[in-house]
Amino acid sequence: MRRSDSEPTIKAAFRDGPLKGRSVETAIVEGRPPSTVDAPAADGSTCRYCLEELAQSGPTAEYSFLYYV
């Protein structure tokens, strides 16, 4: 997904599940990391991850696996 240069982003780091140890860049929503992130897996499926904590700081937010979409 292509993002404009002026759109703020954050790195979504996946702590567990099928994408454990990977990360993706995602747009910030209303000044916060999004509550969920959908990311493609190598097998063609899509994994949904949930923000671990509302209060996070820095350029990375931690996400936990929820389910396959």
N, C-alpha and C. Protein backbone atom coordinates (compact mmCIF):
# COMPACT_ATOMS: atom_id res chain seq x y z
N MET A 1 0.84 -1.16 0.00
CA MET A 1 0.00 0.00 0.00
C MET A 1 0.89 1.23 0.00
N ARG A 2 0.62 2.14 -0.87
CA ARG A 2 1.43 3.35 -1.00
C ARG A 2 0.88 4.45 -0.10
N ARG A 3 1.73 5.15 0.58
CA ARG A 3 1.33 6.23 1.48
C ARG A 3 1.93 7.54 0.99
N SER A 4 1.20 8.63 1.22
CA SER A 4 1.76 9.93 0.84
C SER A 4 2.89 10.28 1.80
N ASP A 5 3.80 11.11 1.35
CA ASP A 5 4.95 11.48 2.17
C ASP A 5 4.54 12.24 3.43
N SER A 6 3.38 12.91 3.39
CA SER A 6 2.96 13.72 4.54
C SER A 6 2.08 12.94 5.52
N GLU A 7 1.66 11.75 5.17
CA GLU A 7 0.79 10.96 6.05
C GLU A 7 1.61 10.32 7.16
N PRO A 8 1.27 10.59 8.44
CA PRO A 8 2.04 9.99 9.54
C PRO A 8 1.81 8.48 9.62
N THR A 9 2.87 7.75 9.89
CA THR A 9 2.78 6.29 9.99
C THR A 9 3.47 5.81 11.27
N ILE A 10 3.21 4.56 11.58
CA ILE A 10 3.84 3.90 12.72
C ILE A 10 4.18 2.47 12.31
N LYS A 11 5.18 1.91 12.92
CA LYS A 11 5.56 0.53 12.65
C LYS A 11 4.75 -0.38 13.57
N ALA A 12 3.96 -1.29 12.98
CA ALA A 12 3.17 -2.26 13.74
C ALA A 12 4.00 -3.53 13.86
N ALA A 13 4.42 -3.85 15.09
CA ALA A 13 5.27 -5.03 15.35
C ALA A 13 4.40 -6.16 15.87
N PHE A 14 4.48 -7.33 15.23
CA PHE A 14 3.66 -8.49 15.59
C PHE A 14 4.41 -9.37 16.57
N ARG A 15 3.86 -9.51 17.79
CA ARG A 15 4.53 -10.25 18.87
C ARG A 15 4.30 -11.75 18.84
N ASP A 16 3.22 -12.21 18.21
CA ASP A 16 2.89 -13.63 18.23
C ASP A 16 2.13 -14.00 16.96
N GLY A 17 1.60 -15.21 16.91
CA GLY A 17 0.81 -15.65 15.77
C GLY A 17 1.65 -15.94 14.54
N PRO A 18 0.99 -16.08 13.38
CA PRO A 18 1.67 -16.47 12.15
C PRO A 18 2.73 -15.47 11.67
N LEU A 19 2.60 -14.21 12.03
CA LEU A 19 3.55 -13.19 11.57
C LEU A 19 4.51 -12.75 12.67
N LYS A 20 4.67 -13.57 13.70
CA LYS A 20 5.52 -13.24 14.84
C LYS A 20 6.90 -12.77 14.37
N GLY A 21 7.35 -11.65 14.93
CA GLY A 21 8.67 -11.11 14.61
C GLY A 21 8.69 -10.20 13.40
N ARG A 22 7.61 -10.10 12.69
CA ARG A 22 7.54 -9.22 11.51
C ARG A 22 6.90 -7.90 11.90
N SER A 23 6.96 -6.96 10.98
CA SER A 23 6.31 -5.68 11.20
C SER A 23 5.89 -5.08 9.86
N VAL A 24 4.93 -4.17 9.91
CA VAL A 24 4.49 -3.44 8.73
C VAL A 24 4.32 -1.98 9.12
N GLU A 25 4.41 -1.12 8.15
CA GLU A 25 4.16 0.30 8.37
C GLU A 25 2.69 0.55 8.12
N THR A 26 2.04 1.26 9.04
CA THR A 26 0.61 1.53 8.91
C THR A 26 0.32 2.98 9.28
N ALA A 27 -0.76 3.51 8.72
CA ALA A 27 -1.14 4.90 8.97
C ALA A 27 -1.64 5.08 10.39
N ILE A 28 -1.33 6.23 10.96
CA ILE A 28 -1.84 6.60 12.28
C ILE A 28 -3.26 7.11 12.09
N VAL A 29 -4.17 6.71 13.00
CA VAL A 29 -5.58 7.10 12.93
C VAL A 29 -5.88 8.05 14.07
N GLU A 30 -6.26 9.26 13.75
CA GLU A 30 -6.60 10.28 14.75
C GLU A 30 -5.52 10.42 15.82
N GLY A 31 -4.26 10.42 15.41
CA GLY A 31 -3.15 10.62 16.32
C GLY A 31 -2.72 9.40 17.11
N ARG A 32 -3.29 8.23 16.83
CA ARG A 32 -2.96 7.00 17.56
C ARG A 32 -2.72 5.85 16.59
N PRO A 33 -2.04 4.81 17.07
CA PRO A 33 -1.93 3.61 16.25
C PRO A 33 -3.33 3.02 16.04
N PRO A 34 -3.60 2.41 14.89
CA PRO A 34 -4.92 1.80 14.70
C PRO A 34 -5.15 0.66 15.68
N SER A 35 -6.41 0.42 16.07
CA SER A 35 -6.70 -0.64 17.05
C SER A 35 -6.50 -2.03 16.45
N THR A 36 -6.71 -2.18 15.14
CA THR A 36 -6.43 -3.46 14.48
C THR A 36 -5.65 -3.21 13.19
N VAL A 37 -4.88 -4.21 12.81
CA VAL A 37 -4.10 -4.17 11.57
C VAL A 37 -4.31 -5.50 10.86
N ASP A 38 -4.66 -5.46 9.58
CA ASP A 38 -4.76 -6.66 8.76
C ASP A 38 -3.49 -6.75 7.92
N ALA A 39 -2.85 -7.91 7.94
CA ALA A 39 -1.58 -8.08 7.21
C ALA A 39 -1.60 -9.40 6.46
N PRO A 40 -1.03 -9.41 5.24
CA PRO A 40 -1.00 -10.65 4.46
C PRO A 40 0.05 -11.62 4.98
N ALA A 41 -0.32 -12.91 4.99
CA ALA A 41 0.62 -13.98 5.36
C ALA A 41 1.21 -14.57 4.07
N ALA A 42 2.28 -15.32 4.20
CA ALA A 42 2.97 -15.90 3.05
C ALA A 42 2.07 -16.86 2.26
N ASP A 43 1.11 -17.50 2.92
CA ASP A 43 0.25 -18.47 2.25
C ASP A 43 -0.93 -17.82 1.52
N GLY A 44 -0.99 -16.49 1.51
CA GLY A 44 -2.06 -15.78 0.83
C GLY A 44 -3.23 -15.40 1.72
N SER A 45 -3.25 -15.89 2.94
CA SER A 45 -4.31 -15.54 3.88
C SER A 45 -4.02 -14.16 4.48
N THR A 46 -4.99 -13.63 5.20
CA THR A 46 -4.84 -12.35 5.88
C THR A 46 -5.00 -12.56 7.37
N CYS A 47 -4.11 -11.98 8.14
CA CYS A 47 -4.13 -12.10 9.60
C CYS A 47 -4.54 -10.77 10.21
N ARG A 48 -5.42 -10.82 11.20
CA ARG A 48 -5.82 -9.61 11.91
C ARG A 48 -5.11 -9.59 13.26
N TYR A 49 -4.49 -8.46 13.56
CA TYR A 49 -3.79 -8.25 14.82
C TYR A 49 -4.43 -7.08 15.55
N CYS A 50 -4.37 -7.12 16.88
CA CYS A 50 -4.97 -6.11 17.75
C CYS A 50 -3.88 -5.38 18.53
N LEU A 51 -4.04 -4.08 18.68
CA LEU A 51 -3.12 -3.26 19.47
C LEU A 51 -3.08 -3.79 20.89
N GLU A 52 -1.88 -4.02 21.43
CA GLU A 52 -1.75 -4.59 22.78
C GLU A 52 -2.14 -3.62 23.87
N GLU A 53 -1.71 -2.38 23.78
CA GLU A 53 -2.00 -1.38 24.82
C GLU A 53 -2.33 -0.05 24.16
N LEU A 54 -3.29 0.68 24.73
CA LEU A 54 -3.62 1.98 24.16
C LEU A 54 -2.49 2.97 24.35
N ALA A 55 -1.82 2.94 25.47
CA ALA A 55 -0.72 3.86 25.75
C ALA A 55 0.60 3.26 25.27
N GLN A 56 1.08 3.74 24.14
CA GLN A 56 2.37 3.30 23.60
C GLN A 56 3.11 4.55 23.15
N SER A 57 4.43 4.46 23.16
CA SER A 57 5.21 5.62 22.73
C SER A 57 6.27 5.18 21.75
N GLY A 58 6.79 6.16 21.04
CA GLY A 58 7.84 5.87 20.08
C GLY A 58 7.28 5.52 18.71
N PRO A 59 8.15 5.12 17.80
CA PRO A 59 7.74 4.87 16.41
C PRO A 59 7.16 3.48 16.16
N THR A 60 7.06 2.63 17.20
CA THR A 60 6.57 1.26 17.04
C THR A 60 5.45 0.97 18.02
N ALA A 61 4.42 0.26 17.55
CA ALA A 61 3.32 -0.18 18.40
C ALA A 61 3.28 -1.71 18.35
N GLU A 62 3.02 -2.34 19.49
CA GLU A 62 2.99 -3.80 19.61
C GLU A 62 1.58 -4.32 19.35
N TYR A 63 1.48 -5.41 18.57
CA TYR A 63 0.20 -6.02 18.23
C TYR A 63 0.23 -7.52 18.50
N SER A 64 -0.94 -8.06 18.92
CA SER A 64 -1.11 -9.49 19.18
C SER A 64 -2.08 -10.07 18.16
N PHE A 65 -1.86 -11.32 17.80
CA PHE A 65 -2.68 -12.00 16.82
C PHE A 65 -4.10 -12.21 17.34
N LEU A 66 -5.09 -11.94 16.49
CA LEU A 66 -6.50 -12.21 16.83
C LEU A 66 -7.01 -13.43 16.09
N TYR A 67 -7.02 -13.36 14.74
CA TYR A 67 -7.58 -14.45 13.93
C TYR A 67 -7.28 -14.22 12.45
N TYR A 68 -7.55 -15.24 11.64
CA TYR A 68 -7.45 -15.11 10.20
C TYR A 68 -8.72 -14.45 9.68
N VAL A 69 -8.56 -13.56 8.72
CA VAL A 69 -9.71 -12.85 8.14
C VAL A 69 -10.15 -13.60 6.91
